[in-house]
PDB file of N, CA and C in Angstrom:
ATOM      1  N   GLU A   1      32.032  43.843  39.562  1.00  0.00           N
ATOM      2  CA  GLU A   1      32.790  43.248  40.155  1.00  0.00           C
ATOM      3  C   GLU A   1      32.116  41.750  40.772  1.00  0.00           C
ATOM      4  N   LEU A   2      30.996  41.968  41.024  1.00  0.00           N
ATOM      5  CA  LEU A   2      30.063  40.784  41.571  1.00  0.00           C
ATOM      6  C   LEU A   2      29.799  39.829  40.383  1.00  0.00           C
ATOM      7  N   GLU A   3      29.674  40.417  39.241  1.00  0.00           N
ATOM      8  CA  GLU A   3      29.390  39.487  38.010  1.00  0.00           C
ATOM      9  C   GLU A   3      30.649  38.624  37.697  1.00  0.00           C
ATOM     10  N   ARG A   4      31.879  39.204  37.753  1.00  0.00           N
ATOM     11  CA  ARG A   4      33.164  38.645  37.594  1.00  0.00           C
ATOM     12  C   ARG A   4      33.446  37.702  38.681  1.00  0.00           C
ATOM     13  N   ARG A   5      33.144  37.944  39.942  1.00  0.00           N
ATOM     14  CA  ARG A   5      33.549  37.042  41.043  1.00  0.00           C
ATOM     15  C   ARG A   5      32.528  35.784  41.126  1.00  0.00           C
ATOM     16  N   HIS A   6      31.337  36.027  40.672  1.00  0.00           N
ATOM     17  CA  HIS A   6      30.278  35.025  40.816  1.00  0.00           C
ATOM     18  C   HIS A   6      29.730  34.493  39.384  1.00  0.00           C
ATOM     19  N   THR A   7      30.616  34.422  38.502  1.00  0.00           N
ATOM     20  CA  THR A   7      30.033  33.969  37.140  1.00  0.00           C
ATOM     21  C   THR A   7      29.272  32.900  37.199  1.00  0.00           C
ATOM     22  N   GLY A   8      28.134  32.909  36.642  1.00  0.00           N
ATOM     23  CA  GLY A   8      27.174  31.529  36.635  1.00  0.00           C
ATOM     24  C   GLY A   8      26.432  31.495  37.881  1.00  0.00           C
ATOM     25  N   CYS A   9      26.606  32.232  38.830  1.00  0.00           N
ATOM     26  CA  CYS A   9      25.817  32.046  40.171  1.00  0.00           C
ATOM     27  C   CYS A   9      24.662  33.241  40.394  1.00  0.00           C
ATOM     28  N   ALA A  10      23.700  32.928  40.919  1.00  0.00           N
ATOM     29  CA  ALA A  10      22.652  34.013  41.367  1.00  0.00           C
ATOM     30  C   ALA A  10      23.302  34.660  42.603  1.00  0.00           C
ATOM     31  N   VAL A  11      22.942  36.045  42.761  1.00  0.00           N
ATOM     32  CA  VAL A  11      23.530  36.855  43.728  1.00  0.00           C
ATOM     33  C   VAL A  11      22.247  37.579  44.327  1.00  0.00           C
ATOM     34  N   LEU A  12      22.086  37.541  45.504  1.00  0.00           N
ATOM     35  CA  LEU A  12      21.084  38.184  46.254  1.00  0.00           C
ATOM     36  C   LEU A  12      21.533  39.599  46.626  1.00  0.00           C
ATOM     37  N   LEU A  13      21.057  40.763  46.253  1.00  0.00           N
ATOM     38  CA  LEU A  13      21.296  41.988  47.003  1.00  0.00           C
ATOM     39  C   LEU A  13      20.142  42.406  47.623  1.00  0.00           C
ATOM     40  N   VAL A  14      20.546  42.814  48.953  1.00  0.00           N
ATOM     41  CA  VAL A  14      19.414  43.283  49.774  1.00  0.00           C
ATOM     42  C   VAL A  14      19.724  44.656  50.482  1.00  0.00           C
ATOM     43  N   SER A  15      18.765  45.557  50.394  1.00  0.00           N
ATOM     44  CA  SER A  15      19.141  47.011  50.479  1.00  0.00           C
ATOM     45  C   SER A  15      17.690  47.745  50.777  1.00  0.00           C
ATOM     46  N   HIS A  16      17.853  48.998  50.904  1.00  0.00           N
ATOM     47  CA  HIS A  16      16.658  49.932  50.757  1.00  0.00           C
ATOM     48  C   HIS A  16      16.480  50.023  49.493  1.00  0.00           C
ATOM     49  N   GLY A  17      15.000  50.339  49.284  1.00  0.00           N
ATOM     50  CA  GLY A  17      14.623  50.816  47.981  1.00  0.00           C
ATOM     51  C   GLY A  17      15.174  51.743  46.951  1.00  0.00           C
ATOM     52  N   ASP A  18      15.342  52.819  47.548  1.00  0.00           N
ATOM     53  CA  ASP A  18      16.176  53.917  46.624  1.00  0.00           C
ATOM     54  C   ASP A  18      17.580  53.246  46.172  1.00  0.00           C
ATOM     55  N   THR A  19      18.235  52.785  47.032  1.00  0.00           N
ATOM     56  CA  THR A  19      19.587  52.163  46.673  1.00  0.00           C
ATOM     57  C   THR A  19      19.415  51.144  45.550  1.00  0.00           C
ATOM     58  N   LEU A  20      18.185  50.310  45.482  1.00  0.00           N
ATOM     59  CA  LEU A  20      18.106  49.263  44.664  1.00  0.00           C
ATOM     60  C   LEU A  20      17.493  49.801  43.307  1.00  0.00           C
ATOM     61  N   SER A  21      16.584  50.757  43.473  1.00  0.00           N
ATOM     62  CA  SER A  21      16.061  51.450  42.261  1.00  0.00           C
ATOM     63  C   SER A  21      17.233  52.247  41.365  1.00  0.00           C
ATOM     64  N   ILE A  22      17.948  52.948  42.132  1.00  0.00           N
ATOM     65  CA  ILE A  22      19.251  53.582  41.447  1.00  0.00           C
ATOM     66  C   ILE A  22      20.137  52.564  40.801  1.00  0.00           C
ATOM     67  N   THR A  23      20.363  51.444  41.398  1.00  0.00           N
ATOM     68  CA  THR A  23      21.115  50.330  40.762  1.00  0.00           C
ATOM     69  C   THR A  23      20.546  49.847  39.580  1.00  0.00           C
ATOM     70  N   GLN A  24      19.107  49.635  39.652  1.00  0.00           N
ATOM     71  CA  GLN A  24      18.518  49.128  38.419  1.00  0.00           C
ATOM     72  C   GLN A  24      18.365  50.142  37.390  1.00  0.00           C
ATOM     73  N   ALA A  25      18.298  51.536  37.620  1.00  0.00           N
ATOM     74  CA  ALA A  25      18.375  52.307  36.637  1.00  0.00           C
ATOM     75  C   ALA A  25      19.916  52.495  36.139  1.00  0.00           C
ATOM     76  N   ALA A  26      20.983  52.366  36.825  1.00  0.00           N
ATOM     77  CA  ALA A  26      22.431  52.379  36.405  1.00  0.00           C
ATOM     78  C   ALA A  26      22.658  51.156  35.490  1.00  0.00           C
ATOM     79  N   ALA A  27      21.957  50.068  35.736  1.00  0.00           N
ATOM     80  CA  ALA A  27      22.107  48.799  34.795  1.00  0.00           C
ATOM     81  C   ALA A  27      21.511  48.845  33.621  1.00  0.00           C
ATOM     82  N   GLY A  28      20.380  49.597  33.660  1.00  0.00           N
ATOM     83  CA  GLY A  28      19.523  49.630  32.425  1.00  0.00           C
ATOM     84  C   GLY A  28      20.294  50.746  31.536  1.00  0.00           C
ATOM     85  N   GLY A  29      21.193  51.620  31.985  1.00  0.00           N
ATOM     86  CA  GLY A  29      21.700  52.616  31.257  1.00  0.00           C
ATOM     87  C   GLY A  29      21.145  53.823  31.104  1.00  0.00           C
ATOM     88  N   GLY A  30      20.125  54.071  31.944  1.00  0.00           N
ATOM     89  CA  GLY A  30      19.476  55.421  32.011  1.00  0.00           C
ATOM     90  C   GLY A  30      19.874  56.360  32.985  1.00  0.00           C
ATOM     91  N   PRO A  31      19.349  57.718  32.999  1.00  0.00           N
ATOM     92  CA  PRO A  31      19.839  58.611  33.818  1.00  0.00           C
ATOM     93  C   PRO A  31      19.447  58.081  35.173  1.00  0.00           C
ATOM     94  N   LEU A  32      20.404  58.402  36.316  1.00  0.00           N
ATOM     95  CA  LEU A  32      20.196  57.942  37.635  1.00  0.00           C
ATOM     96  C   LEU A  32      18.937  58.757  38.319  1.00  0.00           C
ATOM     97  N   GLY A  33      18.844  60.010  37.720  1.00  0.00           N
ATOM     98  CA  GLY A  33      17.753  60.900  38.292  1.00  0.00           C
ATOM     99  C   GLY A  33      16.255  60.374  38.045  1.00  0.00           C
ATOM    100  N   THR A  34      16.333  59.331  37.078  1.00  0.00           N
ATOM    101  CA  THR A  34      14.919  58.648  36.867  1.00  0.00           C
ATOM    102  C   THR A  34      14.676  57.487  37.524  1.00  0.00           C
ATOM    103  N   HIS A  35      15.496  57.166  38.433  1.00  0.00           N
ATOM    104  CA  HIS A  35      15.370  55.859  39.498  1.00  0.00           C
ATOM    105  C   HIS A  35      14.035  55.640  39.921  1.00  0.00           C
ATOM    106  N   ARG A  36      13.190  56.551  40.249  1.00  0.00           N
ATOM    107  CA  ARG A  36      11.945  56.432  41.032  1.00  0.00           C
ATOM    108  C   ARG A  36      10.883  55.509  39.878  1.00  0.00           C
ATOM    109  N   VAL A  37      11.315  55.629  38.774  1.00  0.00           N
ATOM    110  CA  VAL A  37      10.311  54.864  37.852  1.00  0.00           C
ATOM    111  C   VAL A  37      10.569  53.323  38.105  1.00  0.00           C
ATOM    112  N   PHE A  38      11.759  53.058  38.868  1.00  0.00           N
ATOM    113  CA  PHE A  38      11.808  51.732  39.092  1.00  0.00           C
ATOM    114  C   PHE A  38      11.475  51.448  40.520  1.00  0.00           C
ATOM    115  N   GLY A  39      10.557  52.051  41.050  1.00  0.00           N
ATOM    116  CA  GLY A  39      10.206  51.838  42.480  1.00  0.00           C
ATOM    117  C   GLY A  39       9.926  50.380  42.952  1.00  0.00           C
ATOM    118  N   LEU A  40      10.163  50.258  44.163  1.00  0.00           N
ATOM    119  CA  LEU A  40      10.022  48.870  44.609  1.00  0.00           C
ATOM    120  C   LEU A  40       9.039  48.743  45.754  1.00  0.00           C
ATOM    121  N   GLY A  41       8.074  47.849  45.675  1.00  0.00           N
ATOM    122  CA  GLY A  41       7.145  47.378  46.933  1.00  0.00           C
ATOM    123  C   GLY A  41       7.810  46.933  48.076  1.00  0.00           C
ATOM    124  N   THR A  42       7.302  46.940  49.256  1.00  0.00           N
ATOM    125  CA  THR A  42       7.781  46.242  50.455  1.00  0.00           C
ATOM    126  C   THR A  42       8.316  44.809  50.161  1.00  0.00           C
ATOM    127  N   ALA A  43       9.196  44.462  50.440  1.00  0.00           N
ATOM    128  CA  ALA A  43       9.784  43.162  50.281  1.00  0.00           C
ATOM    129  C   ALA A  43       9.647  42.557  48.738  1.00  0.00           C
ATOM    130  N   GLU A  44       9.656  43.306  47.637  1.00  0.00           N
ATOM    131  CA  GLU A  44       9.510  42.919  46.525  1.00  0.00           C
ATOM    132  C   GLU A  44      10.950  42.474  45.891  1.00  0.00           C
ATOM    133  N   LEU A  45      10.616  41.468  45.215  1.00  0.00           N
ATOM    134  CA  LEU A  45      12.050  40.834  44.508  1.00  0.00           C
ATOM    135  C   LEU A  45      12.061  41.268  42.942  1.00  0.00           C
ATOM    136  N   LYS A  46      13.187  41.720  42.525  1.00  0.00           N
ATOM    137  CA  LYS A  46      13.417  41.938  41.029  1.00  0.00           C
ATOM    138  C   LYS A  46      14.683  41.360  40.617  1.00  0.00           C
ATOM    139  N   ARG A  47      14.544  40.818  39.296  1.00  0.00           N
ATOM    140  CA  ARG A  47      15.651  40.165  38.813  1.00  0.00           C
ATOM    141  C   ARG A  47      16.381  41.326  37.934  1.00  0.00           C
ATOM    142  N   LEU A  48      17.518  41.469  38.270  1.00  0.00           N
ATOM    143  CA  LEU A  48      18.459  42.219  37.512  1.00  0.00           C
ATOM    144  C   LEU A  48      19.567  41.657  36.821  1.00  0.00           C
ATOM    145  N   GLU A  49      19.236  41.745  35.610  1.00  0.00           N
ATOM    146  CA  GLU A  49      20.212  41.001  34.592  1.00  0.00           C
ATOM    147  C   GLU A  49      21.718  41.839  34.673  1.00  0.00           C
ATOM    148  N   GLY A  50      22.489  41.240  33.904  1.00  0.00           N
ATOM    149  CA  GLY A  50      23.953  41.728  33.942  1.00  0.00           C
ATOM    150  C   GLY A  50      23.750  43.085  33.264  1.00  0.00           C
ATOM    151  N   SER A  51      24.755  44.087  33.730  1.00  0.00           N
ATOM    152  CA  SER A  51      24.813  45.356  33.261  1.00  0.00           C
ATOM    153  C   SER A  51      24.944  45.512  31.809  1.00  0.00           C
ATOM    154  N   THR A  52      25.097  44.700  31.081  1.00  0.00           N
ATOM    155  CA  THR A  52      25.269  44.568  29.590  1.00  0.00           C
ATOM    156  C   THR A  52      24.141  44.236  28.908  1.00  0.00           C
ATOM    157  N   SER A  53      23.177  43.601  29.599  1.00  0.00           N
ATOM    158  CA  SER A  53      21.802  43.281  28.958  1.00  0.00           C
ATOM    159  C   SER A  53      20.684  44.219  29.518  1.00  0.00           C
ATOM    160  N   SER A  54      19.575  44.327  28.768  1.00  0.00           N
ATOM    161  CA  SER A  54      18.425  45.013  29.231  1.00  0.00           C
ATOM    162  C   SER A  54      17.198  44.633  28.567  1.00  0.00           C
ATOM    163  N   THR A  55      16.295  44.502  29.375  1.00  0.00           N
ATOM    164  CA  THR A  55      14.909  43.817  28.780  1.00  0.00           C
ATOM    165  C   THR A  55      13.849  44.943  29.604  1.00  0.00           C
ATOM    166  N   SER A  56      12.695  45.036  29.030  1.00  0.00           N
ATOM    167  CA  SER A  56      11.671  45.813  29.546  1.00  0.00           C
ATOM    168  C   SER A  56      11.254  45.131  31.075  1.00  0.00           C
ATOM    169  N   SER A  57      11.025  46.102  31.906  1.00  0.00           N
ATOM    170  CA  SER A  57      10.449  45.544  33.197  1.00  0.00           C
ATOM    171  C   SER A  57       8.964  45.032  33.037  1.00  0.00           C
ATOM    172  N   SER A  58       8.432  44.097  33.684  1.00  0.00           N
ATOM    173  CA  SER A  58       7.068  44.037  33.615  1.00  0.00           C
ATOM    174  C   SER A  58       6.336  44.185  35.003  1.00  0.00           C
ATOM    175  N   GLY A  59       5.870  45.376  35.012  1.00  0.00           N
ATOM    176  CA  GLY A  59       5.053  45.700  36.168  1.00  0.00           C
ATOM    177  C   GLY A  59       5.496  46.737  37.298  1.00  0.00           C
ATOM    178  N   GLY A  60       6.825  47.068  36.845  1.00  0.00           N
ATOM    179  CA  GLY A  60       7.363  48.164  37.770  1.00  0.00           C
ATOM    180  C   GLY A  60       7.269  49.354  37.439  1.00  0.00           C
ATOM    181  N   GLY A  61       6.533  49.804  36.558  1.00  0.00           N
ATOM    182  CA  GLY A  61       6.583  51.541  36.156  1.00  0.00           C
ATOM    183  C   GLY A  61       7.121  51.622  34.902  1.00  0.00           C
ATOM    184  N   GLY A  62       7.812  50.708  34.425  1.00  0.00           N
ATOM    185  CA  GLY A  62       8.553  50.324  33.175  1.00  0.00           C
ATOM    186  C   GLY A  62       9.014  51.205  32.219  1.00  0.00           C
ATOM    187  N   ALA A  63      10.460  51.787  32.250  1.00  0.00           N
ATOM    188  CA  ALA A  63      10.950  52.490  31.205  1.00  0.00           C
ATOM    189  C   ALA A  63      11.386  51.338  30.373  1.00  0.00           C
ATOM    190  N   ALA A  64      11.638  51.485  29.060  1.00  0.00           N
ATOM    191  CA  ALA A  64      12.078  50.521  28.122  1.00  0.00           C
ATOM    192  C   ALA A  64      13.466  50.202  28.407  1.00  0.00           C
ATOM    193  N   SER A  65      14.278  50.846  29.128  1.00  0.00           N
ATOM    194  CA  SER A  65      15.634  50.452  29.328  1.00  0.00           C
ATOM    195  C   SER A  65      15.810  49.781  30.693  1.00  0.00           C
ATOM    196  N   ALA A  66      14.710  49.679  31.269  1.00  0.00           N
ATOM    197  CA  ALA A  66      14.704  48.884  32.773  1.00  0.00           C
ATOM    198  C   ALA A  66      15.157  47.317  32.440  1.00  0.00           C
ATOM    199  N   ALA A  67      16.049  46.824  33.284  1.00  0.00           N
ATOM    200  CA  ALA A  67      16.671  45.671  33.229  1.00  0.00           C
ATOM    201  C   ALA A  67      15.752  44.590  34.166  1.00  0.00           C
ATOM    202  N   GLY A  68      15.144  43.588  33.977  1.00  0.00           N
ATOM    203  CA  GLY A  68      14.688  42.775  34.837  1.00  0.00           C
ATOM    204  C   GLY A  68      13.226  42.375  34.686  1.00  0.00           C
ATOM    205  N   ALA A  69      12.701  41.363  35.506  1.00  0.00           N
ATOM    206  CA  ALA A  69      11.459  40.956  35.768  1.00  0.00           C
ATOM    207  C   ALA A  69      10.956  41.142  36.949  1.00  0.00           C
ATOM    208  N   VAL A  70       9.768  41.323  37.415  1.00  0.00           N
ATOM    209  CA  VAL A  70       9.049  41.706  38.721  1.00  0.00           C
ATOM    210  C   VAL A  70       8.494  40.461  39.148  1.00  0.00           C
ATOM    211  N   ALA A  71       8.484  40.325  40.409  1.00  0.00           N
ATOM    212  CA  ALA A  71       7.678  39.161  40.955  1.00  0.00           C
ATOM    213  C   ALA A  71       7.171  39.731  42.350  1.00  0.00           C
ATOM    214  N   ALA A  72       5.861  39.514  42.636  1.00  0.00           N
ATOM    215  CA  ALA A  72       5.508  39.882  43.862  1.00  0.00           C
ATOM    216  C   ALA A  72       5.835  38.822  44.996  1.00  0.00           C
ATOM    217  N   PRO A  73       5.956  39.445  46.226  1.00  0.00           N
ATOM    218  CA  PRO A  73       6.454  38.540  47.170  1.00  0.00           C
ATOM    219  C   PRO A  73       5.818  37.138  47.379  1.00  0.00           C
ATOM    220  N   GLY A  74       6.447  36.090  47.501  1.00  0.00           N
ATOM    221  CA  GLY A  74       5.603  34.763  47.655  1.00  0.00           C
ATOM    222  C   GLY A  74       5.274  34.171  46.257  1.00  0.00           C
ATOM    223  N   ALA A  75       5.582  34.853  45.175  1.00  0.00           N
ATOM    224  CA  ALA A  75       5.126  34.398  44.119  1.00  0.00           C
ATOM    225  C   ALA A  75       6.014  33.239  43.309  1.00  0.00           C
ATOM    226  N   GLY A  76       7.003  32.855  44.041  1.00  0.00           N
ATOM    227  CA  GLY A  76       7.891  31.752  43.567  1.00  0.00           C
ATOM    228  C   GLY A  76       9.172  32.347  43.033  1.00  0.00           C
ATOM    229  N   PRO A  77       9.989  31.394  42.306  1.00  0.00           N
ATOM    230  CA  PRO A  77      11.316  31.901  41.529  1.00  0.00           C
ATOM    231  C   PRO A  77      11.155  32.863  40.731  1.00  0.00           C
ATOM    232  N   VAL A  78      12.189  33.947  40.611  1.00  0.00           N
ATOM    233  CA  VAL A  78      12.151  34.911  39.523  1.00  0.00           C
ATOM    234  C   VAL A  78      12.865  34.599  38.330  1.00  0.00           C
TER     235      VAL A  78
END
């Protein structure tokens, strides 16, 4: 729904770590029970590409099905 309503726009999701790691696991197509592989640090930013694309994560504990790139807080644009 967010992708459809905001085509071509960046959307910022702010939530608790478990909720976001489960979202990232779902977007990557993996089992939701493995969401802790996608753990988040305090105030960490992660890029989550559309649910139909997946790339390996760089630095977040990384299963090959993880979508997105990781940036440390204050590291600039993701």
